[in-house]
Amino acid sequence: MDAAVANKDLRVQVNNRQILSIALPITLAVLVPQINMLVNSIFLGQLSEEALGNAGITGVYYLIFAVAGSGLNNAMQSVFSRHAGSGDTTQFRVILAQGIRISIQFSLICIAFTWFVAPAILEAVADPKHFPAEMSFLKIRIWGLPFLYLFQMGNAFLVSSLNSRLLMIGFFCEAMVNIVLDYLLIFGHFGFPKMGFNGAAWASVIAECTGMIVVLIVLNRSGLQKQYGLLQSFQHHKSISKDIIKVSVPLMMQYIISVATWLVFFLLIETRGATAKAISNTMRNVFGMAGVFVWAFAATSNTMVSNLIGQGRTDLVIPAIRRIMAWSLGACSIMVLLLNLFPDMFFNMFGQDEGFVQEGIPVIRMVSVGMLFMSMANIWLNAVTGTGQTKVNLAIELIAIGLYMGYTWYFMKVNYVNLAMAWSNEFVYWISILIMASWFLLSGKWRKGVSAENRP
């Protein structure tokens, strides 16, 4: 592994080879946990339709805090990449240390919130019949958050230092542990306790701990820890912490607001019956699977844009975004085509009856349109992140969420047509983001923010 990581020049080039060298390892790394989530839903679907539906609510709740960590992760990636583009890697160890400090502190706040505040909030809006099981699950599941955040910190460094191929090791180990423990703990095979729904929570917590341990081993065994002096000191560094917080807070708020509205959507769906709730949970898996390439190219967009700005090559930013977007759209189109050619095969994996499949097919058709726009919008939105203008990210998100929630409320409460029409809100959300993010970048307004104070 040592020979694989030596990369003294961390300045990116705008060509297909560079894009794919960053994106493909991320794709494979992200694909593994998505397969893991899919298998988890399949297991819960075999347990009961109720368990499959409850997994939608609890999954979205946990996703709120997970994506907050992703906001911090993306901010770290942007800060790392700016330093990498300028050729200054001496601050890598300080950046990573401050990211770890911030992530641990935030995860402890989230755990306390879930245990002592969330029950009162969720009890007021959740289905009383399902609330006890959902809350019991979440009080276990939330303990995986510190491990997840530390795992994300290591991954942000690997991507920014152009070692994204090493991501696969941690993701693969985490996913394998999760799948095996899901099988053992949900159903109680081979002498393990039969925990049912909560077995999935324990499996995920242990798997996230495994991922964290593996990424630390990778940093050590690859030689990266020694090369950049990582994890030697966690002393507070005020200016670096301030820079990270300045970039990350708008992103974290953006991501939390985005997924919180999805939670509201799932709570509204809960009033439409168990089948609608279970179908919607499978749609969450559709977004995960079909979005694998999208999130990988979005991370590539963030890294390359920030790196190019660090190099002072702002003239290459827009061409890079367009090239990455073309790859993202093409890859997502293939995934969407497969889902629409074989929808029965996909839905049958969840062990439900033919009525479930027939109700789900129109929804998957509608969601497919939204995902195509997502494949373009995410590239532009993450490019905005790469410029460091994360307040603009937040503004774009707030406007898009306003349109999304207004549309959702109308078609869920005022004029409910069917579940497919309700899910067309994704189309509204992503096309709004695409228009606003691309306009901001094409207008050149982001260049005003690329000043001396924003450079390492």
Protein backbone atom coordinates (compact mmCIF):
# COMPACT_ATOMS: atom_id res chain seq x y z
CA MET A 1 0.00 0.00 0.00
CA ASP A 2 2.90 2.36 0.73
CA ALA A 3 3.98 2.63 -2.89
CA ALA A 4 0.51 3.55 -4.03
CA VAL A 5 0.15 6.91 -2.31
CA ALA A 6 3.21 8.99 -3.01
CA ASN A 7 1.83 11.97 -4.92
CA LYS A 8 3.92 15.08 -4.46
CA ASP A 9 2.09 17.26 -7.01
CA LEU A 10 -1.54 17.58 -5.92
CA ARG A 11 -2.58 20.09 -8.60
CA VAL A 12 -5.42 18.68 -10.72
CA GLN A 13 -5.70 18.85 -14.52
CA VAL A 14 -8.96 19.35 -16.41
CA ASN A 15 -9.20 16.18 -18.47
CA ASN A 16 -11.28 13.01 -18.48
CA ARG A 17 -8.51 10.90 -16.99
CA GLN A 18 -8.18 13.22 -13.98
CA ILE A 19 -11.95 13.38 -13.46
CA LEU A 20 -12.33 9.60 -13.58
CA SER A 21 -9.28 9.01 -11.39
CA ILE A 22 -11.04 10.96 -8.64
CA ALA A 23 -14.65 9.94 -9.31
CA LEU A 24 -14.48 6.21 -10.03
CA PRO A 25 -12.92 5.17 -6.71
CA ILE A 26 -15.48 7.36 -4.92
CA THR A 27 -18.22 5.70 -6.97
CA LEU A 28 -17.11 2.24 -5.96
CA ALA A 29 -16.72 3.34 -2.35
CA VAL A 30 -20.20 4.89 -2.23
CA LEU A 31 -21.75 1.94 -4.09
CA VAL A 32 -20.80 -0.49 -1.33
CA PRO A 33 -22.79 1.20 1.48
CA GLN A 34 -25.71 1.76 -0.88
CA ILE A 35 -25.79 -1.96 -1.58
CA ASN A 36 -25.59 -2.38 2.18
CA MET A 37 -28.62 -0.11 2.70
CA LEU A 38 -30.49 -1.95 -0.03
CA VAL A 39 -29.78 -5.32 1.59
CA ASN A 40 -30.86 -3.87 4.94
CA SER A 41 -34.21 -2.83 3.45
CA ILE A 42 -34.60 -6.24 1.82
CA PHE A 43 -34.09 -7.93 5.20
CA LEU A 44 -36.58 -5.59 6.89
CA GLY A 45 -39.06 -6.11 4.04
CA GLN A 46 -38.88 -9.84 4.73
CA LEU A 47 -39.47 -9.13 8.41
CA SER A 48 -42.67 -7.15 7.72
CA GLU A 49 -44.12 -4.32 5.64
CA GLU A 50 -44.39 -2.31 8.87
CA ALA A 51 -40.64 -2.70 9.55
CA LEU A 52 -39.85 -1.64 5.98
CA GLY A 53 -42.02 1.47 6.38
CA ASN A 54 -40.55 2.34 9.79
CA ALA A 55 -37.08 2.12 8.28
CA GLY A 56 -38.04 5.02 6.04
CA ILE A 57 -38.82 7.36 8.95
CA THR A 58 -35.86 6.32 11.11
CA GLY A 59 -33.54 6.28 8.11
CA VAL A 60 -34.42 9.84 7.14
CA TYR A 61 -34.10 11.04 10.76
CA TYR A 62 -30.59 9.59 11.04
CA LEU A 63 -29.80 10.92 7.58
CA ILE A 64 -30.37 14.46 8.89
CA PHE A 65 -27.39 14.11 11.23
CA ALA A 66 -25.38 12.04 8.76
CA VAL A 67 -25.62 14.73 6.07
CA ALA A 68 -24.71 17.39 8.63
CA GLY A 69 -21.47 15.44 8.87
CA SER A 70 -21.33 15.40 5.09
CA GLY A 71 -21.57 19.20 5.16
CA LEU A 72 -18.54 19.30 7.43
CA ASN A 73 -16.89 16.68 5.22
CA ASN A 74 -17.44 18.77 2.08
CA ALA A 75 -16.16 21.87 3.82
CA MET A 76 -13.03 19.99 4.91
CA GLN A 77 -12.61 18.69 1.38
CA SER A 78 -12.79 22.24 0.03
CA VAL A 79 -10.24 23.54 2.56
CA PHE A 80 -7.89 20.59 1.95
CA SER A 81 -8.16 20.96 -1.84
CA ARG A 82 -7.46 24.71 -1.78
CA HIS A 83 -4.20 24.02 0.08
CA ALA A 84 -3.39 21.11 -2.25
CA GLY A 85 -3.90 23.28 -5.34
CA SER A 86 -1.59 25.97 -3.98
CA GLY A 87 1.07 23.37 -3.23
CA ASP A 88 0.95 24.00 0.54
CA THR A 89 0.36 20.67 2.31
CA THR A 90 2.02 21.63 5.59
CA GLN A 91 -1.36 22.51 7.14
CA PHE A 92 -3.00 19.15 6.33
CA ARG A 93 -2.29 17.79 9.81
CA VAL A 94 -3.78 20.85 11.52
CA ILE A 95 -6.88 20.88 9.28
CA LEU A 96 -7.61 17.21 9.94
CA ALA A 97 -7.08 17.60 13.69
CA GLN A 98 -9.49 20.54 13.89
CA GLY A 99 -12.05 18.68 11.79
CA ILE A 100 -11.89 15.73 14.17
CA ARG A 101 -12.33 18.01 17.21
CA ILE A 102 -15.35 19.75 15.68
CA SER A 103 -16.98 16.52 14.49
CA ILE A 104 -16.75 14.80 17.89
CA GLN A 105 -18.22 17.81 19.68
CA PHE A 106 -21.10 18.07 17.21
CA SER A 107 -21.85 14.32 17.34
CA LEU A 108 -22.22 14.45 21.13
CA ILE A 109 -24.73 17.30 20.78
CA CYS A 110 -26.71 15.23 18.25
CA ILE A 111 -26.76 12.21 20.57
CA ALA A 112 -28.06 14.32 23.46
CA PHE A 113 -30.72 15.86 21.20
CA THR A 114 -31.94 12.43 20.06
CA TRP A 115 -32.19 11.07 23.60
CA PHE A 116 -33.69 14.04 25.39
CA VAL A 117 -35.39 16.37 22.88
CA ALA A 118 -36.37 14.36 19.78
CA PRO A 119 -38.85 12.05 21.59
CA ALA A 120 -41.14 14.98 22.48
CA ILE A 121 -40.96 16.35 18.93
CA LEU A 122 -41.48 13.08 17.08
CA GLU A 123 -44.23 11.87 19.40
CA ALA A 124 -46.28 14.89 18.43
CA VAL A 125 -46.07 14.19 14.67
CA ALA A 126 -45.42 10.45 14.25
CA ASP A 127 -47.99 7.67 14.02
CA PRO A 128 -48.67 6.67 17.69
CA LYS A 129 -48.71 2.99 16.68
CA HIS A 130 -45.20 3.13 15.22
CA PHE A 131 -43.58 5.78 17.44
CA PRO A 132 -42.29 3.46 20.24
CA ALA A 133 -40.50 1.15 17.79
CA GLU A 134 -39.08 4.08 15.80
CA MET A 135 -37.79 5.88 18.91
CA SER A 136 -36.27 2.72 20.37
CA PHE A 137 -34.41 2.19 17.11
CA LEU A 138 -33.12 5.78 16.96
CA LYS A 139 -31.79 5.76 20.52
CA ILE A 140 -29.54 2.88 19.48
CA ARG A 141 -28.76 4.06 15.96
CA ILE A 142 -27.57 7.52 16.98
CA TRP A 143 -24.52 6.07 18.80
CA GLY A 144 -22.95 5.36 15.43
CA LEU A 145 -22.68 9.08 14.67
CA PRO A 146 -19.23 9.82 16.19
CA PHE A 147 -17.75 6.86 14.30
CA LEU A 148 -19.43 7.97 11.07
CA TYR A 149 -18.08 11.53 11.40
CA LEU A 150 -14.52 10.36 12.04
CA PHE A 151 -14.81 8.02 9.07
CA GLN A 152 -15.93 10.98 6.94
CA MET A 153 -13.02 13.12 8.11
CA GLY A 154 -10.53 10.50 6.94
CA ASN A 155 -12.33 10.16 3.62
CA ALA A 156 -12.30 13.94 3.03
CA PHE A 157 -8.53 13.89 3.39
CA LEU A 158 -8.13 10.89 1.06
CA VAL A 159 -10.17 12.55 -1.71
CA SER A 160 -8.44 15.91 -1.40
CA SER A 161 -4.95 14.35 -1.39
CA LEU A 162 -5.89 12.49 -4.63
CA ASN A 163 -5.90 9.10 -2.90
CA SER A 164 -9.59 8.40 -3.43
CA ARG A 165 -8.80 4.83 -4.54
CA LEU A 166 -8.09 4.03 -0.87
CA LEU A 167 -11.68 4.92 0.08
CA MET A 168 -12.91 1.52 -1.06
CA ILE A 169 -11.15 -0.34 1.73
CA GLY A 170 -13.05 1.33 4.58
CA PHE A 171 -16.40 1.33 2.79
CA PHE A 172 -16.09 -2.33 1.84
CA CYS A 173 -15.24 -3.43 5.37
CA GLU A 174 -18.04 -1.35 6.87
CA ALA A 175 -20.62 -2.68 4.42
CA MET A 176 -19.63 -6.32 4.85
CA VAL A 177 -19.87 -6.05 8.65
CA ASN A 178 -23.26 -4.38 8.37
CA ILE A 179 -24.73 -6.95 5.97
CA VAL A 180 -23.51 -9.91 8.03
CA LEU A 181 -24.74 -8.44 11.32
CA ASP A 182 -28.09 -7.47 9.76
CA TYR A 183 -28.63 -11.10 8.84
CA LEU A 184 -27.54 -12.36 12.24
CA LEU A 185 -29.22 -9.80 14.51
CA ILE A 186 -32.51 -9.12 12.68
CA PHE A 187 -33.40 -12.80 12.37
CA GLY A 188 -31.31 -14.33 15.18
CA HIS A 189 -29.34 -16.81 13.08
CA PHE A 190 -26.41 -18.94 14.36
CA GLY A 191 -27.22 -18.42 18.01
CA PHE A 192 -27.34 -14.60 17.89
CA PRO A 193 -30.25 -12.87 19.66
CA LYS A 194 -33.27 -12.18 17.43
CA MET A 195 -33.61 -8.40 17.76
CA GLY A 196 -35.88 -7.70 14.79
CA PHE A 197 -36.01 -4.01 13.84
CA ASN A 198 -33.47 -2.97 16.50
CA GLY A 199 -31.02 -5.56 15.20
CA ALA A 200 -30.54 -3.36 12.14
CA ALA A 201 -29.64 -0.43 14.42
CA TRP A 202 -26.97 -2.38 16.32
CA ALA A 203 -25.56 -3.74 13.06
CA SER A 204 -25.16 -0.23 11.65
CA VAL A 205 -23.49 1.16 14.79
CA ILE A 206 -20.93 -1.66 14.89
CA ALA A 207 -20.32 -1.31 11.15
CA GLU A 208 -19.64 2.44 11.44
CA CYS A 209 -17.18 1.79 14.24
CA THR A 210 -15.48 -0.72 11.95
CA GLY A 211 -15.29 1.85 9.14
CA MET A 212 -13.62 4.38 11.43
CA ILE A 213 -11.03 1.85 12.61
CA VAL A 214 -10.26 0.75 9.06
CA VAL A 215 -9.73 4.29 7.74
CA LEU A 216 -7.26 4.95 10.58
CA ILE A 217 -5.41 1.78 9.65
CA VAL A 218 -5.37 2.85 5.98
CA LEU A 219 -3.87 6.24 6.85
CA ASN A 220 -1.17 4.51 8.87
CA ARG A 221 -0.35 1.58 6.59
CA SER A 222 -0.39 3.68 3.40
CA GLY A 223 2.29 6.02 4.73
CA LEU A 224 0.02 9.07 4.48
CA GLN A 225 -0.03 9.56 8.24
CA LYS A 226 3.76 9.76 8.34
CA GLN A 227 4.08 11.72 5.09
CA TYR A 228 1.81 14.55 6.28
CA GLY A 229 2.31 14.21 10.05
CA LEU A 230 -1.33 13.36 10.67
CA LEU A 231 -2.96 12.56 14.03
CA GLN A 232 0.04 13.65 16.08
CA SER A 233 -1.62 16.55 17.89
CA PHE A 234 -5.22 17.60 18.45
CA GLN A 235 -4.40 20.95 20.04
CA HIS A 236 -6.95 23.65 19.27
CA HIS A 237 -5.92 25.91 16.39
CA LYS A 238 -8.17 28.95 16.48
CA SER A 239 -7.68 30.36 12.97
CA ILE A 240 -7.95 27.01 11.16
CA SER A 241 -11.00 26.03 13.21
CA LYS A 242 -12.57 29.38 12.42
CA ASP A 243 -11.97 28.85 8.68
CA ILE A 244 -13.49 25.36 8.78
CA ILE A 245 -16.53 26.52 10.75
CA LYS A 246 -16.99 29.51 8.44
CA VAL A 247 -17.18 27.23 5.40
CA SER A 248 -18.95 24.30 7.05
CA VAL A 249 -21.79 25.89 9.04
CA PRO A 250 -23.78 27.09 5.99
CA LEU A 251 -23.24 23.67 4.37
CA MET A 252 -24.33 21.80 7.49
CA MET A 253 -27.42 23.97 7.78
CA GLN A 254 -28.13 23.45 4.09
CA TYR A 255 -27.92 19.68 4.38
CA ILE A 256 -29.92 19.52 7.63
CA ILE A 257 -32.71 21.68 6.21
CA SER A 258 -32.77 19.63 3.01
CA VAL A 259 -33.16 16.26 4.73
CA ALA A 260 -35.43 17.64 7.49
CA THR A 261 -37.92 18.59 4.79
CA TRP A 262 -37.63 15.05 3.45
CA LEU A 263 -38.51 13.83 6.94
CA VAL A 264 -41.60 16.06 6.85
CA PHE A 265 -42.45 14.51 3.48
CA PHE A 266 -42.15 11.00 4.92
CA LEU A 267 -44.31 11.96 7.89
CA LEU A 268 -46.97 13.23 5.48
CA ILE A 269 -46.70 10.00 3.50
CA GLU A 270 -47.25 8.08 6.74
CA THR A 271 -50.85 9.35 6.72
CA ARG A 272 -51.38 7.66 3.34
CA GLY A 273 -50.99 4.12 4.67
CA ALA A 274 -48.37 1.44 5.19
CA THR A 275 -47.97 0.60 1.50
CA ALA A 276 -47.30 4.20 0.47
CA LYS A 277 -44.81 4.48 3.32
CA ALA A 278 -43.01 1.25 2.32
CA ILE A 279 -42.92 2.23 -1.38
CA SER A 280 -41.41 5.59 -0.41
CA ASN A 281 -38.71 3.85 1.60
CA THR A 282 -37.79 1.86 -1.50
CA MET A 283 -37.57 5.17 -3.38
CA ARG A 284 -34.98 6.24 -0.83
CA ASN A 285 -32.99 3.20 -1.92
CA VAL A 286 -33.51 4.13 -5.57
CA PHE A 287 -32.00 7.56 -4.94
CA GLY A 288 -29.13 5.90 -3.12
CA MET A 289 -28.35 3.38 -5.85
CA ALA A 290 -28.92 5.59 -8.91
CA GLY A 291 -27.24 8.52 -7.17
CA VAL A 292 -23.96 6.66 -6.57
CA PHE A 293 -22.32 8.14 -9.65
CA VAL A 294 -23.92 11.53 -9.03
CA TRP A 295 -22.49 11.92 -5.51
CA ALA A 296 -19.08 10.75 -6.72
CA PHE A 297 -18.95 13.29 -9.53
CA ALA A 298 -20.35 15.96 -7.18
CA ALA A 299 -17.44 15.33 -4.78
CA THR A 300 -15.10 15.51 -7.77
CA SER A 301 -16.61 18.87 -8.74
CA ASN A 302 -16.00 20.28 -5.25
CA THR A 303 -12.42 19.01 -5.17
CA MET A 304 -11.44 20.11 -8.68
CA VAL A 305 -12.99 23.56 -8.45
CA SER A 306 -11.32 24.28 -5.12
CA ASN A 307 -8.01 22.87 -6.34
CA LEU A 308 -8.11 24.97 -9.55
CA ILE A 309 -8.83 28.12 -7.53
CA GLY A 310 -5.89 27.25 -5.28
CA GLN A 311 -3.74 27.04 -8.42
CA GLY A 312 -5.04 30.44 -9.59
CA ARG A 313 -6.59 28.78 -12.71
CA THR A 314 -10.08 30.25 -12.38
CA ASP A 315 -10.41 30.24 -16.18
CA LEU A 316 -10.68 26.43 -16.08
CA VAL A 317 -13.46 26.24 -13.48
CA ILE A 318 -16.48 26.39 -15.82
CA PRO A 319 -15.01 23.99 -18.43
CA ALA A 320 -14.24 21.55 -15.60
CA ILE A 321 -17.81 21.76 -14.25
CA ARG A 322 -19.31 21.15 -17.70
CA ARG A 323 -17.10 18.15 -18.32
CA ILE A 324 -17.90 16.62 -14.92
CA MET A 325 -21.63 17.26 -15.46
CA ALA A 326 -21.56 15.39 -18.76
CA TRP A 327 -20.06 12.34 -17.04
CA SER A 328 -22.58 12.55 -14.20
CA LEU A 329 -25.60 12.82 -16.50
CA GLY A 330 -24.39 9.96 -18.67
CA ALA A 331 -23.77 7.62 -15.75
CA CYS A 332 -27.08 8.46 -14.06
CA SER A 333 -28.95 7.95 -17.35
CA ILE A 334 -27.66 4.38 -17.55
CA MET A 335 -28.77 3.64 -13.98
CA VAL A 336 -32.20 5.21 -14.59
CA LEU A 337 -32.61 3.24 -17.83
CA LEU A 338 -31.94 -0.05 -16.04
CA LEU A 339 -34.40 0.79 -13.27
CA ASN A 340 -37.12 1.61 -15.78
CA LEU A 341 -36.48 -1.44 -17.95
CA PHE A 342 -36.63 -3.81 -14.98
CA PRO A 343 -38.80 -2.16 -12.28
CA ASP A 344 -40.54 -5.44 -11.38
CA MET A 345 -37.21 -7.09 -10.63
CA PHE A 346 -36.23 -4.20 -8.33
CA PHE A 347 -39.49 -4.12 -6.34
CA ASN A 348 -39.73 -7.90 -6.04
CA MET A 349 -36.48 -7.89 -4.04
CA PHE A 350 -38.35 -6.41 -1.09
CA GLY A 351 -40.57 -9.47 -0.69
CA GLN A 352 -43.90 -7.66 -1.10
CA ASP A 353 -47.00 -8.66 -3.09
CA GLU A 354 -47.91 -7.79 -6.69
CA GLY A 355 -50.08 -4.86 -5.58
CA PHE A 356 -47.02 -3.26 -3.98
CA VAL A 357 -45.09 -3.65 -7.25
CA GLN A 358 -47.85 -2.18 -9.41
CA GLU A 359 -48.29 0.81 -7.12
CA GLY A 360 -44.53 1.39 -7.05
CA ILE A 361 -43.84 1.40 -10.80
CA PRO A 362 -45.47 4.81 -11.56
CA VAL A 363 -43.52 6.28 -8.65
CA ILE A 364 -40.21 5.02 -9.97
CA ARG A 365 -41.00 6.54 -13.37
CA MET A 366 -41.59 9.93 -11.79
CA VAL A 367 -38.54 9.72 -9.53
CA SER A 368 -36.38 8.90 -12.56
CA VAL A 369 -37.05 12.33 -14.04
CA GLY A 370 -36.03 14.00 -10.82
CA MET A 371 -32.80 11.97 -10.67
CA LEU A 372 -31.72 13.12 -14.13
CA PHE A 373 -31.98 16.73 -12.99
CA MET A 374 -30.24 15.77 -9.75
CA SER A 375 -27.28 14.44 -11.77
CA MET A 376 -26.74 17.90 -13.24
CA ALA A 377 -27.80 20.10 -10.33
CA ASN A 378 -25.51 18.40 -7.81
CA ILE A 379 -22.44 19.09 -9.93
CA TRP A 380 -23.15 22.81 -10.09
CA LEU A 381 -24.14 23.02 -6.43
CA ASN A 382 -20.95 21.28 -5.29
CA ALA A 383 -18.96 23.54 -7.58
CA VAL A 384 -20.39 26.47 -5.60
CA THR A 385 -19.07 24.71 -2.49
CA GLY A 386 -15.66 24.46 -4.13
CA THR A 387 -15.55 28.23 -4.58
CA GLY A 388 -15.95 28.61 -0.81
CA GLN A 389 -19.21 30.56 -1.24
CA THR A 390 -21.15 28.29 1.11
CA LYS A 391 -23.53 31.06 2.14
CA VAL A 392 -24.70 31.03 -1.48
CA ASN A 393 -25.20 27.25 -1.15
CA LEU A 394 -27.45 27.90 1.83
CA ALA A 395 -29.42 30.62 0.03
CA ILE A 396 -29.98 28.35 -2.98
CA GLU A 397 -31.11 25.54 -0.68
CA LEU A 398 -33.58 27.75 1.22
CA ILE A 399 -35.24 28.99 -1.98
CA ALA A 400 -35.42 25.47 -3.46
CA ILE A 401 -36.80 24.07 -0.18
CA GLY A 402 -39.47 26.77 -0.09
CA LEU A 403 -40.66 25.77 -3.56
CA TYR A 404 -40.40 22.08 -2.67
CA MET A 405 -42.43 22.37 0.53
CA GLY A 406 -45.13 24.50 -1.06
CA TYR A 407 -45.49 21.99 -3.89
CA THR A 408 -45.39 19.03 -1.48
CA TRP A 409 -48.02 20.47 0.85
CA TYR A 410 -50.37 21.12 -2.05
CA PHE A 411 -50.13 17.62 -3.54
CA MET A 412 -50.05 15.82 -0.18
CA LYS A 413 -52.67 17.73 1.84
CA VAL A 414 -54.69 20.06 -0.41
CA ASN A 415 -55.01 18.05 -3.62
CA TYR A 416 -53.62 14.53 -3.20
CA VAL A 417 -53.73 12.75 -6.57
CA ASN A 418 -51.51 9.73 -6.03
CA LEU A 419 -48.08 8.82 -4.65
CA ALA A 420 -46.35 9.30 -8.00
CA MET A 421 -47.60 12.89 -8.20
CA ALA A 422 -46.43 13.50 -4.64
CA TRP A 423 -42.92 12.31 -5.57
CA SER A 424 -42.79 14.75 -8.51
CA ASN A 425 -41.66 17.27 -5.87
CA GLU A 426 -38.11 15.99 -6.51
CA PHE A 427 -38.34 17.38 -10.04
CA VAL A 428 -39.26 20.82 -8.67
CA TYR A 429 -36.45 20.73 -6.11
CA TRP A 430 -33.59 19.73 -8.40
CA ILE A 431 -34.48 21.89 -11.37
CA SER A 432 -34.63 24.90 -9.01
CA ILE A 433 -31.15 24.14 -7.71
CA LEU A 434 -29.81 23.58 -11.23
CA ILE A 435 -31.05 26.95 -12.43
CA MET A 436 -29.80 28.94 -9.43
CA ALA A 437 -26.38 27.26 -9.01
CA SER A 438 -25.52 27.38 -12.71
CA TRP A 439 -26.63 31.01 -12.95
CA PHE A 440 -24.43 32.00 -10.02
CA LEU A 441 -21.35 30.31 -11.47
CA LEU A 442 -21.89 31.35 -15.10
CA SER A 443 -22.48 34.96 -14.01
CA GLY A 444 -18.94 35.07 -12.59
CA LYS A 445 -20.13 36.49 -9.26
CA TRP A 446 -18.17 33.80 -7.41
CA ARG A 447 -14.89 35.36 -8.58
CA LYS A 448 -15.41 38.27 -6.20
CA GLY A 449 -15.16 35.88 -3.30
CA VAL A 450 -11.88 34.40 -4.50
CA SER A 451 -9.71 36.95 -2.76
CA ALA A 452 -6.43 36.75 -0.93
CA GLU A 453 -8.17 36.12 2.41
CA ASN A 454 -9.84 32.99 1.03
CA ARG A 455 -6.57 31.45 -0.14
CA PRO A 456 -4.26 29.42 2.05
